[in-house]
């Protein structure tokens, strides 16, 4: 039986997984990009139809 080896790099004990941290970091940026996206195309299409 092999002796237990510690991983070379210990994970932080913050309780936040890497996936959660990544989502918390990227979600606001994605939402901001969607909110600030120019909407001139849809406005121009509506003007042509009417």
N, C-alpha and C. Protein backbone atom coordinates (compact mmCIF):
# COMPACT_ATOMS: atom_id res chain seq x y z
N UNK A 1 0.84 -1.18 0.00
CA UNK A 1 0.00 0.00 0.00
C UNK A 1 0.88 1.25 0.00
N UNK A 2 0.52 2.20 -0.82
CA UNK A 2 1.32 3.41 -0.94
C UNK A 2 0.95 4.41 0.15
N UNK A 3 1.92 5.18 0.55
CA UNK A 3 1.68 6.23 1.53
C UNK A 3 0.95 7.39 0.85
N UNK A 4 0.12 8.04 1.62
CA UNK A 4 -0.63 9.19 1.08
C UNK A 4 0.33 10.34 0.81
N UNK A 5 0.18 10.93 -0.37
CA UNK A 5 1.01 12.09 -0.73
C UNK A 5 0.12 13.31 -0.83
N UNK A 6 0.60 14.39 -0.29
CA UNK A 6 -0.12 15.65 -0.42
C UNK A 6 0.00 16.16 -1.84
N UNK A 7 -1.02 16.80 -2.36
CA UNK A 7 -0.90 17.40 -3.70
C UNK A 7 0.19 18.46 -3.71
N UNK A 8 0.80 18.64 -4.87
CA UNK A 8 1.88 19.62 -4.99
C UNK A 8 1.39 21.03 -4.66
N UNK A 9 0.16 21.33 -5.05
CA UNK A 9 -0.39 22.65 -4.78
C UNK A 9 -1.69 22.49 -4.00
N UNK A 10 -1.75 23.03 -2.81
CA UNK A 10 -2.95 22.92 -2.01
C UNK A 10 -4.01 23.89 -2.51
N UNK A 11 -5.26 23.46 -2.45
CA UNK A 11 -6.34 24.33 -2.85
C UNK A 11 -6.69 25.25 -1.69
N UNK A 12 -7.10 26.46 -1.98
CA UNK A 12 -7.44 27.39 -0.90
C UNK A 12 -8.67 26.91 -0.13
N UNK A 13 -8.70 27.21 1.16
CA UNK A 13 -9.81 26.80 2.01
C UNK A 13 -10.88 27.89 2.10
N UNK A 14 -11.09 28.61 1.02
CA UNK A 14 -12.07 29.69 1.04
C UNK A 14 -13.49 29.17 0.93
N UNK A 15 -13.67 27.94 0.47
CA UNK A 15 -15.00 27.39 0.31
C UNK A 15 -15.62 27.69 -1.04
N UNK A 16 -14.96 28.46 -1.87
CA UNK A 16 -15.45 28.80 -3.20
C UNK A 16 -14.72 27.97 -4.24
N UNK A 17 -15.48 27.23 -5.03
CA UNK A 17 -14.84 26.41 -6.04
C UNK A 17 -14.36 27.28 -7.20
N UNK A 18 -13.51 26.71 -8.02
CA UNK A 18 -12.99 27.45 -9.16
C UNK A 18 -14.10 27.81 -10.14
N UNK A 19 -15.06 26.91 -10.32
CA UNK A 19 -16.17 27.17 -11.24
C UNK A 19 -17.02 28.33 -10.72
N UNK A 20 -17.33 28.32 -9.44
CA UNK A 20 -18.12 29.41 -8.86
C UNK A 20 -17.39 30.74 -8.96
N UNK A 21 -16.10 30.71 -8.67
CA UNK A 21 -15.30 31.94 -8.76
C UNK A 21 -15.29 32.47 -10.19
N UNK A 22 -15.14 31.57 -11.17
CA UNK A 22 -15.12 31.99 -12.57
C UNK A 22 -16.46 32.59 -12.99
N UNK A 23 -17.55 31.97 -12.55
CA UNK A 23 -18.87 32.50 -12.89
C UNK A 23 -19.11 33.86 -12.25
N UNK A 24 -18.70 34.00 -11.01
CA UNK A 24 -18.87 35.29 -10.34
C UNK A 24 -18.03 36.38 -10.99
N UNK A 25 -16.93 35.99 -11.58
CA UNK A 25 -16.05 36.95 -12.21
C UNK A 25 -16.53 37.33 -13.61
N UNK A 26 -17.05 36.36 -14.36
CA UNK A 26 -17.41 36.63 -15.76
C UNK A 26 -18.85 37.06 -15.96
N UNK A 27 -19.77 36.64 -15.08
CA UNK A 27 -21.19 36.97 -15.28
C UNK A 27 -21.44 38.47 -15.34
N UNK A 28 -20.90 39.28 -14.43
CA UNK A 28 -21.15 40.73 -14.55
C UNK A 28 -20.61 41.33 -15.84
N UNK A 29 -19.48 40.82 -16.32
CA UNK A 29 -18.92 41.34 -17.56
C UNK A 29 -19.82 41.00 -18.75
N UNK A 30 -20.36 39.80 -18.76
CA UNK A 30 -21.25 39.39 -19.85
C UNK A 30 -22.53 40.20 -19.82
N UNK A 31 -23.09 40.38 -18.62
CA UNK A 31 -24.31 41.17 -18.51
C UNK A 31 -24.08 42.63 -18.91
N UNK A 32 -22.95 43.17 -18.53
CA UNK A 32 -22.64 44.55 -18.90
C UNK A 32 -22.47 44.69 -20.41
N UNK A 33 -21.83 43.71 -21.03
CA UNK A 33 -21.64 43.76 -22.48
C UNK A 33 -22.99 43.67 -23.20
N UNK A 34 -23.89 42.85 -22.68
CA UNK A 34 -25.22 42.74 -23.29
C UNK A 34 -26.02 44.03 -23.10
N UNK A 35 -25.88 44.65 -21.95
CA UNK A 35 -26.63 45.88 -21.68
C UNK A 35 -26.11 47.06 -22.48
N UNK A 36 -24.80 47.09 -22.73
CA UNK A 36 -24.20 48.22 -23.43
C UNK A 36 -24.11 48.02 -24.94
N UNK A 37 -24.60 46.88 -25.41
CA UNK A 37 -24.52 46.59 -26.84
C UNK A 37 -25.39 47.57 -27.63
N UNK A 38 -24.87 48.10 -28.70
CA UNK A 38 -25.69 49.03 -29.49
C UNK A 38 -26.89 48.33 -30.10
N UNK A 39 -28.02 49.01 -30.08
CA UNK A 39 -29.25 48.41 -30.60
C UNK A 39 -29.73 49.11 -31.86
N UNK A 40 -28.82 49.72 -32.59
CA UNK A 40 -29.20 50.50 -33.77
C UNK A 40 -29.79 49.61 -34.87
N UNK A 41 -29.36 48.37 -34.96
CA UNK A 41 -29.86 47.48 -36.03
C UNK A 41 -31.36 47.23 -35.87
N UNK A 42 -31.79 46.88 -34.65
CA UNK A 42 -33.20 46.58 -34.45
C UNK A 42 -34.05 47.84 -34.63
N UNK A 43 -33.53 48.99 -34.23
CA UNK A 43 -34.26 50.25 -34.40
C UNK A 43 -34.39 50.59 -35.89
N UNK A 44 -33.35 50.35 -36.66
CA UNK A 44 -33.41 50.64 -38.08
C UNK A 44 -34.39 49.71 -38.79
N UNK A 45 -34.43 48.48 -38.39
CA UNK A 45 -35.38 47.53 -39.00
C UNK A 45 -36.81 47.94 -38.73
N UNK A 46 -37.07 48.38 -37.51
CA UNK A 46 -38.44 48.79 -37.18
C UNK A 46 -38.85 50.01 -38.00
N UNK A 47 -37.90 50.91 -38.23
CA UNK A 47 -38.20 52.13 -39.00
C UNK A 47 -38.51 51.80 -40.44
N UNK A 48 -37.85 50.82 -41.00
CA UNK A 48 -38.10 50.44 -42.41
C UNK A 48 -39.45 49.79 -42.58
N UNK A 49 -39.85 48.97 -41.61
CA UNK A 49 -41.13 48.26 -41.74
C UNK A 49 -42.32 49.22 -41.61
N UNK A 50 -42.17 50.21 -40.75
CA UNK A 50 -43.30 51.11 -40.47
C UNK A 50 -43.43 52.12 -41.50
